[in-house]
Amino acid sequence: MSDITRDDVAHLARLARLAVSDAELDMFSGQIDAIVDTVSRVGEIPDDVPPTAQVVPQTNVLRPDTEEPCLRRDVALAEAPAAEEGRFRVPRILGEEL
C-alpha cells in the first residue's frame, strides 16, 4: 500500500480549492491509495516484455472491391418526393442564392 492519508487528500483538496467533506476524505483516500498501488504495479513488469499496442494480433477483414450493378436513374428518382432535370430536388437552405 502507498498509504495515502486523509491529510494528504485534504492537502490536495486545499491546493485544488475543492470543498471536500470528512466522509469524502475517507472515501477519496482509499480510492487514491488503490489507484497509486495499481499504477505502481507497472514497475513490476519484467524488462524483457516488448511493448505492444494490441495483445491479440489484428488483421484487416475487407471484402473484394468488385463492381456491382446499381439502380438506374429513373428507378431511383421514382421514389423521390421531388425530382427535376434528372436530379433530386431539395429545398434551399439558409436562403442561398444560385
N, C-alpha and C. Protein backbone atom coordinates (compact mmCIF):
# COMPACT_ATOMS: atom_id res chain seq x y z
N MET A 1 0.84 -1.18 0.00
CA MET A 1 0.00 0.00 0.00
C MET A 1 0.88 1.25 0.00
N SER A 2 0.39 2.26 -0.66
CA SER A 2 1.17 3.50 -0.75
C SER A 2 0.85 4.44 0.40
N ASP A 3 -0.18 4.12 1.19
CA ASP A 3 -0.53 4.88 2.39
C ASP A 3 -0.85 6.35 2.12
N ILE A 4 -1.81 6.59 1.26
CA ILE A 4 -2.33 7.95 1.07
C ILE A 4 -3.27 8.22 2.24
N THR A 5 -2.98 9.24 3.01
CA THR A 5 -3.75 9.52 4.22
C THR A 5 -4.83 10.57 3.95
N ARG A 6 -5.72 10.70 4.94
CA ARG A 6 -6.75 11.74 4.87
C ARG A 6 -6.10 13.12 4.78
N ASP A 7 -4.98 13.29 5.51
CA ASP A 7 -4.29 14.58 5.49
C ASP A 7 -3.74 14.88 4.10
N ASP A 8 -3.24 13.85 3.41
CA ASP A 8 -2.75 14.04 2.04
C ASP A 8 -3.88 14.48 1.12
N VAL A 9 -5.03 13.83 1.25
CA VAL A 9 -6.19 14.17 0.42
C VAL A 9 -6.69 15.57 0.76
N ALA A 10 -6.72 15.91 2.05
CA ALA A 10 -7.16 17.24 2.47
C ALA A 10 -6.21 18.30 1.91
N HIS A 11 -4.92 18.01 1.93
CA HIS A 11 -3.94 18.96 1.38
C HIS A 11 -4.15 19.14 -0.13
N LEU A 12 -4.34 18.04 -0.86
CA LEU A 12 -4.62 18.13 -2.30
C LEU A 12 -5.90 18.91 -2.57
N ALA A 13 -6.92 18.68 -1.75
CA ALA A 13 -8.19 19.38 -1.93
C ALA A 13 -8.01 20.88 -1.70
N ARG A 14 -7.22 21.24 -0.70
CA ARG A 14 -6.95 22.67 -0.47
C ARG A 14 -6.20 23.28 -1.65
N LEU A 15 -5.20 22.56 -2.17
CA LEU A 15 -4.44 23.07 -3.32
C LEU A 15 -5.34 23.25 -4.54
N ALA A 16 -6.28 22.34 -4.73
CA ALA A 16 -7.19 22.40 -5.88
C ALA A 16 -8.41 23.27 -5.58
N ARG A 17 -8.46 23.80 -4.35
CA ARG A 17 -9.59 24.64 -3.93
C ARG A 17 -10.92 23.92 -4.08
N LEU A 18 -10.94 22.68 -3.58
CA LEU A 18 -12.14 21.86 -3.61
C LEU A 18 -12.70 21.75 -2.20
N ALA A 19 -14.00 21.88 -2.07
CA ALA A 19 -14.66 21.67 -0.79
C ALA A 19 -14.94 20.17 -0.67
N VAL A 20 -14.32 19.54 0.33
CA VAL A 20 -14.44 18.09 0.50
C VAL A 20 -14.88 17.82 1.93
N SER A 21 -15.93 17.00 2.08
CA SER A 21 -16.43 16.66 3.42
C SER A 21 -15.54 15.60 4.06
N ASP A 22 -15.77 15.36 5.37
CA ASP A 22 -14.99 14.34 6.07
C ASP A 22 -15.24 12.95 5.49
N ALA A 23 -16.48 12.67 5.13
CA ALA A 23 -16.80 11.36 4.54
C ALA A 23 -16.08 11.20 3.20
N GLU A 24 -16.03 12.28 2.42
CA GLU A 24 -15.35 12.22 1.12
C GLU A 24 -13.85 12.05 1.30
N LEU A 25 -13.28 12.66 2.35
CA LEU A 25 -11.84 12.49 2.61
C LEU A 25 -11.51 11.02 2.84
N ASP A 26 -12.35 10.34 3.63
CA ASP A 26 -12.12 8.92 3.87
C ASP A 26 -12.25 8.11 2.58
N MET A 27 -13.31 8.40 1.82
CA MET A 27 -13.56 7.66 0.59
C MET A 27 -12.44 7.91 -0.42
N PHE A 28 -12.08 9.19 -0.62
CA PHE A 28 -11.06 9.54 -1.61
C PHE A 28 -9.69 9.00 -1.23
N SER A 29 -9.37 8.99 0.05
CA SER A 29 -8.04 8.49 0.45
C SER A 29 -7.92 7.01 0.08
N GLY A 30 -8.98 6.23 0.29
CA GLY A 30 -8.95 4.82 -0.11
C GLY A 30 -8.86 4.65 -1.62
N GLN A 31 -9.64 5.46 -2.36
CA GLN A 31 -9.63 5.35 -3.81
C GLN A 31 -8.28 5.75 -4.40
N ILE A 32 -7.74 6.87 -3.93
CA ILE A 32 -6.45 7.34 -4.46
C ILE A 32 -5.36 6.35 -4.11
N ASP A 33 -5.41 5.78 -2.91
CA ASP A 33 -4.44 4.78 -2.50
C ASP A 33 -4.48 3.57 -3.44
N ALA A 34 -5.68 3.12 -3.81
CA ALA A 34 -5.83 1.98 -4.72
C ALA A 34 -5.29 2.33 -6.11
N ILE A 35 -5.54 3.55 -6.56
CA ILE A 35 -5.05 3.97 -7.88
C ILE A 35 -3.53 4.00 -7.90
N VAL A 36 -2.93 4.57 -6.87
CA VAL A 36 -1.46 4.65 -6.81
C VAL A 36 -0.85 3.26 -6.76
N ASP A 37 -1.47 2.36 -6.00
CA ASP A 37 -0.96 0.98 -5.95
C ASP A 37 -1.06 0.31 -7.31
N THR A 38 -2.17 0.50 -8.01
CA THR A 38 -2.34 -0.12 -9.33
C THR A 38 -1.32 0.41 -10.31
N VAL A 39 -1.10 1.71 -10.31
CA VAL A 39 -0.13 2.31 -11.23
C VAL A 39 1.29 1.86 -10.89
N SER A 40 1.57 1.69 -9.62
CA SER A 40 2.93 1.27 -9.24
C SER A 40 3.23 -0.16 -9.69
N ARG A 41 2.19 -0.96 -9.95
CA ARG A 41 2.40 -2.33 -10.43
C ARG A 41 3.03 -2.35 -11.82
N VAL A 42 2.95 -1.26 -12.55
CA VAL A 42 3.58 -1.21 -13.88
C VAL A 42 5.08 -1.42 -13.75
N GLY A 43 5.66 -0.96 -12.66
CA GLY A 43 7.09 -1.14 -12.43
C GLY A 43 7.49 -2.59 -12.21
N GLU A 44 6.52 -3.46 -11.94
CA GLU A 44 6.81 -4.87 -11.70
C GLU A 44 6.90 -5.68 -13.00
N ILE A 45 6.60 -5.07 -14.12
CA ILE A 45 6.65 -5.77 -15.41
C ILE A 45 8.11 -6.03 -15.77
N PRO A 46 8.44 -7.27 -16.12
CA PRO A 46 9.84 -7.57 -16.48
C PRO A 46 10.30 -6.75 -17.69
N ASP A 47 11.59 -6.49 -17.73
CA ASP A 47 12.15 -5.67 -18.81
C ASP A 47 12.12 -6.38 -20.16
N ASP A 48 12.02 -7.70 -20.17
CA ASP A 48 12.07 -8.42 -21.44
C ASP A 48 10.69 -8.51 -22.14
N VAL A 49 9.67 -7.89 -21.58
CA VAL A 49 8.34 -7.90 -22.21
C VAL A 49 8.30 -6.75 -23.22
N PRO A 50 8.10 -7.06 -24.51
CA PRO A 50 8.10 -5.98 -25.51
C PRO A 50 6.82 -5.13 -25.41
N PRO A 51 6.94 -3.85 -25.67
CA PRO A 51 5.74 -3.00 -25.66
C PRO A 51 4.83 -3.39 -26.83
N THR A 52 3.54 -3.39 -26.58
CA THR A 52 2.58 -3.76 -27.62
C THR A 52 1.41 -2.79 -27.60
N ALA A 53 0.82 -2.59 -28.77
CA ALA A 53 -0.39 -1.78 -28.86
C ALA A 53 -1.62 -2.66 -28.73
N GLN A 54 -1.52 -3.89 -29.23
CA GLN A 54 -2.62 -4.85 -29.17
C GLN A 54 -2.08 -6.17 -28.65
N VAL A 55 -2.82 -6.78 -27.75
CA VAL A 55 -2.40 -8.07 -27.21
C VAL A 55 -2.70 -9.17 -28.22
N VAL A 56 -3.83 -9.04 -28.90
CA VAL A 56 -4.24 -10.03 -29.89
C VAL A 56 -3.94 -9.47 -31.27
N PRO A 57 -3.24 -10.22 -32.13
CA PRO A 57 -2.95 -9.69 -33.47
C PRO A 57 -4.23 -9.41 -34.25
N GLN A 58 -4.25 -8.30 -34.95
CA GLN A 58 -5.42 -7.93 -35.73
C GLN A 58 -5.07 -7.92 -37.21
N THR A 59 -6.04 -8.33 -38.01
CA THR A 59 -5.87 -8.26 -39.45
C THR A 59 -7.07 -7.57 -40.04
N ASN A 60 -6.86 -6.91 -41.16
CA ASN A 60 -7.97 -6.25 -41.84
C ASN A 60 -8.84 -7.29 -42.51
N VAL A 61 -10.12 -7.15 -42.33
CA VAL A 61 -11.08 -8.04 -42.97
C VAL A 61 -11.84 -7.19 -43.99
N LEU A 62 -11.45 -7.30 -45.23
CA LEU A 62 -12.06 -6.49 -46.27
C LEU A 62 -12.64 -7.40 -47.35
N ARG A 63 -13.74 -6.97 -47.88
CA ARG A 63 -14.32 -7.72 -49.00
C ARG A 63 -13.61 -7.28 -50.26
N PRO A 64 -13.63 -8.11 -51.28
CA PRO A 64 -13.00 -7.70 -52.54
C PRO A 64 -13.75 -6.50 -53.15
N ASP A 65 -13.03 -5.62 -53.74
CA ASP A 65 -13.61 -4.43 -54.36
C ASP A 65 -14.08 -4.81 -55.76
N THR A 66 -15.38 -5.11 -55.85
CA THR A 66 -15.93 -5.54 -57.13
C THR A 66 -17.03 -4.59 -57.56
N GLU A 67 -17.21 -4.50 -58.84
CA GLU A 67 -18.25 -3.65 -59.39
C GLU A 67 -19.60 -4.35 -59.25
N GLU A 68 -20.59 -3.64 -58.76
CA GLU A 68 -21.93 -4.18 -58.57
C GLU A 68 -22.91 -3.34 -59.37
N PRO A 69 -23.99 -3.93 -59.85
CA PRO A 69 -24.98 -3.12 -60.56
C PRO A 69 -25.67 -2.17 -59.59
N CYS A 70 -26.00 -0.99 -60.07
CA CYS A 70 -26.67 -0.01 -59.22
C CYS A 70 -28.04 0.31 -59.82
N LEU A 71 -28.81 1.10 -59.10
CA LEU A 71 -30.13 1.49 -59.59
C LEU A 71 -30.00 2.40 -60.81
N ARG A 72 -30.93 2.22 -61.71
CA ARG A 72 -30.99 3.17 -62.83
C ARG A 72 -31.52 4.49 -62.29
N ARG A 73 -31.17 5.57 -62.95
CA ARG A 73 -31.56 6.90 -62.51
C ARG A 73 -33.07 7.02 -62.40
N ASP A 74 -33.80 6.54 -63.40
CA ASP A 74 -35.25 6.70 -63.38
C ASP A 74 -35.90 5.92 -62.23
N VAL A 75 -35.33 4.78 -61.87
CA VAL A 75 -35.85 3.99 -60.75
C VAL A 75 -35.61 4.72 -59.44
N ALA A 76 -34.39 5.26 -59.24
CA ALA A 76 -34.06 5.99 -58.02
C ALA A 76 -34.92 7.24 -57.88
N LEU A 77 -35.09 7.98 -58.96
CA LEU A 77 -35.87 9.21 -58.90
C LEU A 77 -37.36 8.95 -58.75
N ALA A 78 -37.81 7.75 -59.11
CA ALA A 78 -39.23 7.43 -58.98
C ALA A 78 -39.67 7.43 -57.51
N GLU A 79 -38.78 7.15 -56.60
CA GLU A 79 -39.11 7.12 -55.17
C GLU A 79 -38.88 8.47 -54.48
N ALA A 80 -38.32 9.43 -55.18
CA ALA A 80 -38.01 10.73 -54.58
C ALA A 80 -39.28 11.55 -54.43
N PRO A 81 -39.39 12.35 -53.36
CA PRO A 81 -40.56 13.21 -53.21
C PRO A 81 -40.63 14.28 -54.31
N ALA A 82 -39.46 14.70 -54.82
CA ALA A 82 -39.43 15.68 -55.89
C ALA A 82 -38.18 15.46 -56.74
N ALA A 83 -38.33 15.56 -58.05
CA ALA A 83 -37.19 15.42 -58.96
C ALA A 83 -37.32 16.48 -60.03
N GLU A 84 -36.15 16.92 -60.54
CA GLU A 84 -36.14 17.95 -61.59
C GLU A 84 -34.91 17.76 -62.44
N GLU A 85 -35.07 17.73 -63.73
CA GLU A 85 -33.97 17.60 -64.69
C GLU A 85 -33.05 16.42 -64.37
N GLY A 86 -33.67 15.29 -64.00
CA GLY A 86 -32.88 14.09 -63.74
C GLY A 86 -32.11 14.10 -62.44
N ARG A 87 -32.49 14.98 -61.48
CA ARG A 87 -31.81 15.06 -60.19
C ARG A 87 -32.84 15.13 -59.07
N PHE A 88 -32.41 14.83 -57.86
CA PHE A 88 -33.28 15.01 -56.71
C PHE A 88 -33.47 16.50 -56.47
N ARG A 89 -34.71 16.90 -56.21
CA ARG A 89 -34.97 18.31 -55.88
C ARG A 89 -35.14 18.40 -54.36
N VAL A 90 -34.37 19.30 -53.77
CA VAL A 90 -34.43 19.51 -52.33
C VAL A 90 -34.67 20.99 -52.05
N PRO A 91 -35.23 21.33 -50.92
CA PRO A 91 -35.48 22.74 -50.62
C PRO A 91 -34.16 23.49 -50.38
N ARG A 92 -34.17 24.77 -50.70
CA ARG A 92 -32.99 25.60 -50.42
C ARG A 92 -32.79 25.71 -48.93
N ILE A 93 -31.53 25.84 -48.54
CA ILE A 93 -31.23 26.01 -47.12
C ILE A 93 -30.49 27.32 -46.93
N LEU A 94 -30.78 27.97 -45.84
CA LEU A 94 -30.12 29.20 -45.44
C LEU A 94 -30.26 30.32 -46.48
N GLY A 95 -31.29 30.27 -47.29
CA GLY A 95 -31.54 31.36 -48.24
C GLY A 95 -30.42 31.57 -49.25
N GLU A 96 -29.72 30.51 -49.63
CA GLU A 96 -28.62 30.64 -50.57
C GLU A 96 -29.14 31.05 -51.94
N GLU A 97 -28.38 31.86 -52.62
CA GLU A 97 -28.70 32.29 -53.98
C GLU A 97 -27.97 31.41 -54.96
N LEU A 98 -28.54 31.25 -56.13
CA LEU A 98 -27.89 30.46 -57.18
C LEU A 98 -26.88 31.28 -57.93
